[in-house]
Amino acid sequence: VPLADTPQWSIPLLLVRAVAEGETANLGSVSPLLASSLETIRDIYAAWIDGHQAPLNFELASNTVAAASGVSLFFSGGVDSFHSLIKHRDEVENLVLVHGFDVPLADTKTFELAETQAREAARLFGKRLIVVRTNLHWEQPRIPCSWGMYHGAALAAVAHALAPNHGKMYIASSYSYADLHPWGSHPLLDPLWSTEAVQLVHDGGETRMDKLRVLVQDRKSTRRTPVTDQSRMP
C-alpha cells in the first residue's frame, strides 16, 4: 500500500523520547492541528512517565495534506479490536495488523497464526487487510520508556505512515472508562495525535465483559444471516 511522504509519522516517537530523556524535541515540520496539541501531549507524558517538560522545537507545515478517503482500524484479532470492528463494520474499510508490536519480527511462526486469523476476519467482514512490519519495539537498541506507555505513540506513527489509505484510524480501547489509568493508548491522549490528514479515534469505554456479549450476539446473528456480499474481499 502507499505510504506517506511527510515526516508526520516520526513526530510521536521523537516527542516521547525527548520527554523521557529531557532533551529538546526537534520535531521538524508539524501540521498546524498536531502543533496545537504538542504541549498538552508533552505535559501528559511528562506526568505519566515521570519525564521532563522538554522544549519543543518545530515549524508549522506550510502545506497541509488533505485527508484521504477511507477508514481503518488497528486489528489484532483480540476482543477489543473485534468489538470495534463489529461496532463500525459499515464504516471501516481497512484492518491494520502490525508485526513487531506484540510479536517480535523474528517470531514468524506466531505471527503467521495471527495473520491467518486476521485474514479470515477480513474475509468474513469484507475488509482489506493491511499488514505492517516494524522494528519500533523489539529491534530498537532501547525504547525510551515502558512499551505500555510507548505503544500509543507507536500506533500514532503507524497511522500517519499509512495516511494515503485513510482519513480516520480507530484504536480500540484497552480499558473501560471505569478502569482508566496512565497508559500509552488512552481516550485523553490518542485524539491529540490527529493531523489534518488523519483523525485518530480512541474507540470504546465498555468493559471486557460487555464487549464479549457483543461478540457473542453478533456471532449468533451471523449464523442466522449468512454473509453474502463478497464484493470487497481482498
C-alpha atoms as a PDB file:
ATOM      1  CA  VAL A   1       0.000   0.000   0.000  1.00  0.00           C
ATOM      2  CA  PRO A   2       1.172   3.605  -0.447  1.00  0.00           C
ATOM      3  CA  LEU A   3       2.984   5.284   2.436  1.00  0.00           C
ATOM      4  CA  ALA A   4       3.023   8.936   3.460  1.00  0.00           C
ATOM      5  CA  ASP A   5       5.813  11.128   2.119  1.00  0.00           C
ATOM      6  CA  THR A   6       5.632  13.596   5.022  1.00  0.00           C
ATOM      7  CA  PRO A   7       7.552  13.418   8.329  1.00  0.00           C
ATOM      8  CA  GLN A   8       4.413  13.499  10.497  1.00  0.00           C
ATOM      9  CA  TRP A   9       4.725   9.796  11.345  1.00  0.00           C
ATOM     10  CA  SER A  10       8.022  10.337  13.189  1.00  0.00           C
ATOM     11  CA  ILE A  11       6.800  13.156  15.449  1.00  0.00           C
ATOM     12  CA  PRO A  12       5.124  10.963  18.133  1.00  0.00           C
ATOM     13  CA  LEU A  13       8.289   8.895  18.524  1.00  0.00           C
ATOM     14  CA  LEU A  14      10.584  11.918  18.711  1.00  0.00           C
ATOM     15  CA  LEU A  15       8.361  13.709  21.211  1.00  0.00           C
ATOM     16  CA  VAL A  16       8.067  10.831  23.675  1.00  0.00           C
ATOM     17  CA  ARG A  17      11.802  10.176  23.516  1.00  0.00           C
ATOM     18  CA  ALA A  18      12.541  13.840  24.236  1.00  0.00           C
ATOM     19  CA  VAL A  19      10.183  13.836  27.242  1.00  0.00           C
ATOM     20  CA  ALA A  20      11.748  10.653  28.615  1.00  0.00           C
ATOM     21  CA  GLU A  21      15.331  11.802  28.140  1.00  0.00           C
ATOM     22  CA  GLY A  22      14.919  15.507  28.974  1.00  0.00           C
ATOM     23  CA  GLU A  23      16.228  16.745  25.639  1.00  0.00           C
ATOM     24  CA  THR A  24      14.850  19.303  23.207  1.00  0.00           C
ATOM     25  CA  ALA A  25      12.213  17.784  20.935  1.00  0.00           C
ATOM     26  CA  ASN A  26      13.426  18.636  17.432  1.00  0.00           C
ATOM     27  CA  LEU A  27      10.286  17.779  15.506  1.00  0.00           C
ATOM     28  CA  GLY A  28      10.806  19.474  12.166  1.00  0.00           C
ATOM     29  CA  SER A  29       7.733  20.470  10.154  1.00  0.00           C
ATOM     30  CA  VAL A  30       4.491  19.850  12.051  1.00  0.00           C
ATOM     31  CA  SER A  31       0.912  20.140  10.832  1.00  0.00           C
ATOM     32  CA  PRO A  32      -0.969  23.045  12.473  1.00  0.00           C
ATOM     33  CA  LEU A  33      -3.549  20.752  14.094  1.00  0.00           C
ATOM     34  CA  LEU A  34      -0.943  18.491  15.674  1.00  0.00           C
ATOM     35  CA  ALA A  35       1.167  21.503  16.642  1.00  0.00           C
ATOM     36  CA  SER A  36      -1.741  22.862  18.687  1.00  0.00           C
ATOM     37  CA  SER A  37      -1.680  19.659  20.779  1.00  0.00           C
ATOM     38  CA  LEU A  38       2.055  19.195  21.269  1.00  0.00           C
ATOM     39  CA  GLU A  39       2.357  20.980  24.618  1.00  0.00           C
ATOM     40  CA  THR A  40      -0.595  19.037  26.026  1.00  0.00           C
ATOM     41  CA  ILE A  41       0.821  15.721  24.814  1.00  0.00           C
ATOM     42  CA  ARG A  42       4.223  16.604  26.279  1.00  0.00           C
ATOM     43  CA  ASP A  43       2.757  17.538  29.647  1.00  0.00           C
ATOM     44  CA  ILE A  44       0.655  14.358  29.814  1.00  0.00           C
ATOM     45  CA  TYR A  45       3.647  12.156  29.075  1.00  0.00           C
ATOM     46  CA  ALA A  46       5.845  14.113  31.464  1.00  0.00           C
ATOM     47  CA  ALA A  47       3.359  13.388  34.254  1.00  0.00           C
ATOM     48  CA  TRP A  48       2.749   9.764  33.337  1.00  0.00           C
ATOM     49  CA  ILE A  49       6.325   8.568  32.811  1.00  0.00           C
ATOM     50  CA  ASP A  50       7.964  10.878  35.363  1.00  0.00           C
ATOM     51  CA  GLY A  51       9.585  12.665  32.441  1.00  0.00           C
ATOM     52  CA  HIS A  52      10.525  16.205  31.541  1.00  0.00           C
ATOM     53  CA  GLN A  53       8.689  19.142  30.002  1.00  0.00           C
ATOM     54  CA  ALA A  54      11.144  19.136  27.147  1.00  0.00           C
ATOM     55  CA  PRO A  55      11.444  22.278  24.986  1.00  0.00           C
ATOM     56  CA  LEU A  56       9.613  21.941  21.666  1.00  0.00           C
ATOM     57  CA  ASN A  57      11.480  22.933  18.530  1.00  0.00           C
ATOM     58  CA  PHE A  58       9.400  22.808  15.338  1.00  0.00           C
ATOM     59  CA  GLU A  59       7.998  24.842  12.473  1.00  0.00           C
ATOM     60  CA  LEU A  60       4.470  24.864  11.155  1.00  0.00           C
ATOM     61  CA  ALA A  61       3.992  22.996   7.909  1.00  0.00           C
ATOM     62  CA  SER A  62       3.130  25.442   5.142  1.00  0.00           C
ATOM     63  CA  ASN A  63       1.198  22.880   3.134  1.00  0.00           C
ATOM     64  CA  THR A  64      -1.197  20.548   4.904  1.00  0.00           C
ATOM     65  CA  VAL A  65      -2.108  17.213   3.372  1.00  0.00           C
ATOM     66  CA  ALA A  66      -5.795  16.673   2.718  1.00  0.00           C
ATOM     67  CA  ALA A  67      -7.383  13.647   4.322  1.00  0.00           C
ATOM     68  CA  ALA A  68      -7.658  10.603   2.100  1.00  0.00           C
ATOM     69  CA  SER A  69     -10.900   8.724   1.812  1.00  0.00           C
ATOM     70  CA  GLY A  70     -11.187   5.538   3.833  1.00  0.00           C
ATOM     71  CA  VAL A  71     -11.375   4.414   7.449  1.00  0.00           C
ATOM     72  CA  SER A  72      -9.023   1.950   9.123  1.00  0.00           C
ATOM     73  CA  LEU A  73      -8.929   0.015  12.372  1.00  0.00           C
ATOM     74  CA  PHE A  74      -5.906  -1.389  14.185  1.00  0.00           C
ATOM     75  CA  PHE A  75      -6.768  -5.078  14.385  1.00  0.00           C
ATOM     76  CA  SER A  76      -5.052  -7.729  16.497  1.00  0.00           C
ATOM     77  CA  GLY A  77      -7.824 -10.308  16.469  1.00  0.00           C
ATOM     78  CA  GLY A  78      -8.491  -9.825  20.174  1.00  0.00           C
ATOM     79  CA  VAL A  79     -11.713  -8.916  21.949  1.00  0.00           C
ATOM     80  CA  ASP A  80     -11.100  -5.148  21.866  1.00  0.00           C
ATOM     81  CA  SER A  81     -10.414  -4.822  18.148  1.00  0.00           C
ATOM     82  CA  PHE A  82     -13.127  -7.346  17.195  1.00  0.00           C
ATOM     83  CA  HIS A  83     -15.614  -5.297  19.215  1.00  0.00           C
ATOM     84  CA  SER A  84     -14.619  -2.135  17.353  1.00  0.00           C
ATOM     85  CA  LEU A  85     -14.880  -3.955  14.023  1.00  0.00           C
ATOM     86  CA  ILE A  86     -18.421  -5.096  14.789  1.00  0.00           C
ATOM     87  CA  LYS A  87     -19.353  -1.654  16.096  1.00  0.00           C
ATOM     88  CA  HIS A  88     -18.039   0.148  12.990  1.00  0.00           C
ATOM     89  CA  ARG A  89     -18.437  -2.615  10.409  1.00  0.00           C
ATOM     90  CA  ASP A  90     -20.271  -0.322   7.962  1.00  0.00           C
ATOM     91  CA  GLU A  91     -17.607   2.366   8.184  1.00  0.00           C
ATOM     92  CA  VAL A  92     -14.269   0.563   8.462  1.00  0.00           C
ATOM     93  CA  GLU A  93     -12.618  -0.402   5.189  1.00  0.00           C
ATOM     94  CA  ASN A  94      -9.125  -1.496   6.261  1.00  0.00           C
ATOM     95  CA  LEU A  95      -7.885  -3.696   9.086  1.00  0.00           C
ATOM     96  CA  VAL A  96      -4.287  -2.938  10.074  1.00  0.00           C
ATOM     97  CA  LEU A  97      -2.318  -5.795  11.642  1.00  0.00           C
ATOM     98  CA  VAL A  98       1.142  -4.910  12.954  1.00  0.00           C
ATOM     99  CA  HIS A  99       4.000  -7.400  13.165  1.00  0.00           C
ATOM    100  CA  GLY A 100       6.630  -6.081  15.553  1.00  0.00           C
ATOM    101  CA  PHE A 101       4.456  -4.732  18.356  1.00  0.00           C
ATOM    102  CA  ASP A 102       3.267  -7.667  20.464  1.00  0.00           C
ATOM    103  CA  VAL A 103       5.043 -10.313  18.381  1.00  0.00           C
ATOM    104  CA  PRO A 104       8.780  -9.832  17.654  1.00  0.00           C
ATOM    105  CA  LEU A 105       9.757  -9.720  13.980  1.00  0.00           C
ATOM    106  CA  ALA A 106      11.892 -12.821  14.458  1.00  0.00           C
ATOM    107  CA  ASP A 107       8.874 -14.832  15.630  1.00  0.00           C
ATOM    108  CA  THR A 108       7.370 -15.519  12.222  1.00  0.00           C
ATOM    109  CA  LYS A 109       5.590 -18.685  13.319  1.00  0.00           C
ATOM    110  CA  THR A 110       3.425 -16.948  15.916  1.00  0.00           C
ATOM    111  CA  PHE A 111       2.680 -14.082  13.577  1.00  0.00           C
ATOM    112  CA  GLU A 112       1.643 -16.424  10.781  1.00  0.00           C
ATOM    113  CA  LEU A 113      -1.112 -17.706  13.048  1.00  0.00           C
ATOM    114  CA  ALA A 114      -2.223 -14.164  13.880  1.00  0.00           C
ATOM    115  CA  GLU A 115      -2.160 -13.173  10.213  1.00  0.00           C
ATOM    116  CA  THR A 116      -4.174 -16.220   9.167  1.00  0.00           C
ATOM    117  CA  GLN A 117      -6.849 -15.373  11.714  1.00  0.00           C
ATOM    118  CA  ALA A 118      -6.853 -11.708  10.678  1.00  0.00           C
ATOM    119  CA  ARG A 119      -7.237 -12.620   7.004  1.00  0.00           C
ATOM    120  CA  GLU A 120     -10.193 -14.823   7.848  1.00  0.00           C
ATOM    121  CA  ALA A 121     -11.793 -11.973   9.804  1.00  0.00           C
ATOM    122  CA  ALA A 122     -11.170  -9.611   6.877  1.00  0.00           C
ATOM    123  CA  ARG A 123     -12.777 -12.121   4.526  1.00  0.00           C
ATOM    124  CA  LEU A 124     -15.838 -12.609   6.723  1.00  0.00           C
ATOM    125  CA  PHE A 125     -16.405  -8.875   7.135  1.00  0.00           C
ATOM    126  CA  GLY A 126     -15.448  -7.938   3.572  1.00  0.00           C
ATOM    127  CA  LYS A 127     -12.481  -5.733   4.533  1.00  0.00           C
ATOM    128  CA  ARG A 128      -8.962  -5.235   3.219  1.00  0.00           C
ATOM    129  CA  LEU A 129      -6.152  -6.403   5.486  1.00  0.00           C
ATOM    130  CA  ILE A 130      -3.006  -4.263   5.622  1.00  0.00           C
ATOM    131  CA  VAL A 131      -0.017  -5.956   7.264  1.00  0.00           C
ATOM    132  CA  VAL A 132       2.653  -3.680   8.732  1.00  0.00           C
ATOM    133  CA  ARG A 133       6.100  -4.839   9.819  1.00  0.00           C
ATOM    134  CA  THR A 134       8.160  -2.579  12.069  1.00  0.00           C
ATOM    135  CA  ASN A 135      11.114  -2.693  14.440  1.00  0.00           C
ATOM    136  CA  LEU A 136       9.701   0.044  16.692  1.00  0.00           C
ATOM    137  CA  HIS A 137       9.522  -2.265  19.688  1.00  0.00           C
ATOM    138  CA  TRP A 138      11.866  -5.228  19.682  1.00  0.00           C
ATOM    139  CA  GLU A 139      14.716  -4.287  17.357  1.00  0.00           C
ATOM    140  CA  GLN A 140      15.431  -0.827  18.677  1.00  0.00           C
ATOM    141  CA  PRO A 141      18.505  -0.529  20.952  1.00  0.00           C
ATOM    142  CA  ARG A 142      16.242   0.946  23.634  1.00  0.00           C
ATOM    143  CA  ILE A 143      12.746   2.345  23.695  1.00  0.00           C
ATOM    144  CA  PRO A 144      12.606   5.465  25.891  1.00  0.00           C
ATOM    145  CA  CYS A 145      10.025   4.181  28.387  1.00  0.00           C
ATOM    146  CA  SER A 146       7.933   1.091  29.024  1.00  0.00           C
ATOM    147  CA  TRP A 147       6.183  -0.383  25.983  1.00  0.00           C
ATOM    148  CA  GLY A 148       2.877   0.077  27.801  1.00  0.00           C
ATOM    149  CA  MET A 149       3.415   3.837  27.682  1.00  0.00           C
ATOM    150  CA  TYR A 150       5.259   3.977  24.342  1.00  0.00           C
ATOM    151  CA  HIS A 151       2.873   1.915  22.234  1.00  0.00           C
ATOM    152  CA  GLY A 152       0.320   4.731  21.880  1.00  0.00           C
ATOM    153  CA  ALA A 153       2.920   6.872  20.134  1.00  0.00           C
ATOM    154  CA  ALA A 154       3.905   3.854  18.033  1.00  0.00           C
ATOM    155  CA  LEU A 155       0.282   3.359  16.958  1.00  0.00           C
ATOM    156  CA  ALA A 156       0.059   7.030  16.015  1.00  0.00           C
ATOM    157  CA  ALA A 157       3.264   6.731  13.997  1.00  0.00           C
ATOM    158  CA  VAL A 158       1.904   3.780  12.004  1.00  0.00           C
ATOM    159  CA  ALA A 159      -1.437   5.537  11.462  1.00  0.00           C
ATOM    160  CA  HIS A 160       0.324   8.566   9.969  1.00  0.00           C
ATOM    161  CA  ALA A 161       2.707   6.451   7.904  1.00  0.00           C
ATOM    162  CA  LEU A 162      -0.363   4.863   6.287  1.00  0.00           C
ATOM    163  CA  ALA A 163      -2.091   8.223   5.742  1.00  0.00           C
ATOM    164  CA  PRO A 164      -2.722   7.727   1.984  1.00  0.00           C
ATOM    165  CA  ASN A 165      -5.019   4.807   2.867  1.00  0.00           C
ATOM    166  CA  HIS A 166      -7.377   6.526   5.299  1.00  0.00           C
ATOM    167  CA  GLY A 167      -8.582   9.782   6.796  1.00  0.00           C
ATOM    168  CA  LYS A 168      -9.622   8.178  10.078  1.00  0.00           C
ATOM    169  CA  MET A 169      -7.997   5.476  12.189  1.00  0.00           C
ATOM    170  CA  TYR A 170      -9.779   3.707  15.043  1.00  0.00           C
ATOM    171  CA  ILE A 171      -7.773   2.488  18.053  1.00  0.00           C
ATOM    172  CA  ALA A 172      -9.761   0.015  20.126  1.00  0.00           C
ATOM    173  CA  SER A 173      -9.754   0.796  23.839  1.00  0.00           C
ATOM    174  CA  SER A 174      -7.675  -1.330  26.170  1.00  0.00           C
ATOM    175  CA  TYR A 175      -9.594  -0.443  29.331  1.00  0.00           C
ATOM    176  CA  SER A 176     -13.111   0.613  30.268  1.00  0.00           C
ATOM    177  CA  TYR A 177     -13.836   4.140  31.413  1.00  0.00           C
ATOM    178  CA  ALA A 178     -14.110   2.832  34.974  1.00  0.00           C
ATOM    179  CA  ASP A 179     -10.568   1.432  34.856  1.00  0.00           C
ATOM    180  CA  LEU A 180      -8.689   4.276  33.171  1.00  0.00           C
ATOM    181  CA  HIS A 181      -5.121   4.916  34.288  1.00  0.00           C
ATOM    182  CA  PRO A 182      -1.933   6.231  32.650  1.00  0.00           C
ATOM    183  CA  TRP A 183      -1.427   4.151  29.513  1.00  0.00           C
ATOM    184  CA  GLY A 184       0.024   4.778  26.068  1.00  0.00           C
ATOM    185  CA  SER A 185      -3.334   4.408  24.315  1.00  0.00           C
ATOM    186  CA  HIS A 186      -5.874   6.477  26.219  1.00  0.00           C
ATOM    187  CA  PRO A 187      -9.058   8.444  25.385  1.00  0.00           C
ATOM    188  CA  LEU A 188      -7.325  11.600  26.610  1.00  0.00           C
ATOM    189  CA  LEU A 189      -4.196  11.048  24.550  1.00  0.00           C
ATOM    190  CA  ASP A 190      -4.987   9.240  21.274  1.00  0.00           C
ATOM    191  CA  PRO A 191      -7.076  12.027  19.648  1.00  0.00           C
ATOM    192  CA  LEU A 192      -4.324  14.571  20.315  1.00  0.00           C
ATOM    193  CA  TRP A 193      -2.082  12.826  17.761  1.00  0.00           C
ATOM    194  CA  SER A 194      -4.507  13.746  14.952  1.00  0.00           C
ATOM    195  CA  THR A 195      -3.499  15.880  11.983  1.00  0.00           C
ATOM    196  CA  GLU A 196      -5.460  17.436   9.131  1.00  0.00           C
ATOM    197  CA  ALA A 197      -4.751  14.234   7.192  1.00  0.00           C
ATOM    198  CA  VAL A 198      -5.563  11.564   9.784  1.00  0.00           C
ATOM    199  CA  GLN A 199      -8.045  11.647  12.647  1.00  0.00           C
ATOM    200  CA  LEU A 200      -7.163   9.213  15.428  1.00  0.00           C
ATOM    201  CA  VAL A 201     -10.142   7.920  17.404  1.00  0.00           C
ATOM    202  CA  HIS A 202      -9.902   6.061  20.697  1.00  0.00           C
ATOM    203  CA  ASP A 203     -12.862   3.731  20.461  1.00  0.00           C
ATOM    204  CA  GLY A 204     -14.979   2.327  23.265  1.00  0.00           C
ATOM    205  CA  GLY A 205     -15.160   2.548  27.015  1.00  0.00           C
ATOM    206  CA  GLU A 206     -17.059  -0.672  27.612  1.00  0.00           C
ATOM    207  CA  THR A 207     -15.914  -3.371  29.981  1.00  0.00           C
ATOM    208  CA  ARG A 208     -14.354  -6.538  28.610  1.00  0.00           C
ATOM    209  CA  MET A 209     -17.475  -8.491  29.594  1.00  0.00           C
ATOM    210  CA  ASP A 210     -19.728  -6.049  27.737  1.00  0.00           C
ATOM    211  CA  LYS A 211     -17.541  -6.400  24.669  1.00  0.00           C
ATOM    212  CA  LEU A 212     -17.708 -10.181  24.870  1.00  0.00           C
ATOM    213  CA  ARG A 213     -21.502 -10.010  24.970  1.00  0.00           C
ATOM    214  CA  VAL A 214     -21.479  -8.002  21.734  1.00  0.00           C
ATOM    215  CA  LEU A 215     -19.184 -10.564  20.089  1.00  0.00           C
ATOM    216  CA  VAL A 216     -21.398 -13.469  21.144  1.00  0.00           C
ATOM    217  CA  GLN A 217     -24.568 -11.733  19.994  1.00  0.00           C
ATOM    218  CA  ASP A 218     -23.013 -10.870  16.644  1.00  0.00           C
ATOM    219  CA  ARG A 219     -21.912 -14.456  16.204  1.00  0.00           C
ATOM    220  CA  LYS A 220     -25.451 -15.662  16.819  1.00  0.00           C
ATOM    221  CA  SER A 221     -26.812 -13.128  14.319  1.00  0.00           C
ATOM    222  CA  THR A 222     -24.236 -14.144  11.729  1.00  0.00           C
ATOM    223  CA  ARG A 223     -25.328 -17.758  11.987  1.00  0.00           C
ATOM    224  CA  ARG A 224     -28.910 -16.747  11.290  1.00  0.00           C
ATOM    225  CA  THR A 225     -27.999 -14.366   8.442  1.00  0.00           C
ATOM    226  CA  PRO A 226     -25.001 -15.613   6.409  1.00  0.00           C
ATOM    227  CA  VAL A 227     -22.710 -13.018   4.864  1.00  0.00           C
ATOM    228  CA  THR A 228     -23.324 -12.905   1.107  1.00  0.00           C
ATOM    229  CA  ASP A 229     -21.687  -9.661  -0.021  1.00  0.00           C
ATOM    230  CA  GLN A 230     -18.173 -10.628  -1.102  1.00  0.00           C
ATOM    231  CA  SER A 231     -17.559  -7.557  -3.273  1.00  0.00           C
ATOM    232  CA  ARG A 232     -14.831  -6.135  -1.019  1.00  0.00           C
ATOM    233  CA  MET A 233     -12.880  -9.279  -0.314  1.00  0.00           C
ATOM    234  CA  PRO A 234      -9.111  -8.802  -0.744  1.00  0.00           C
END
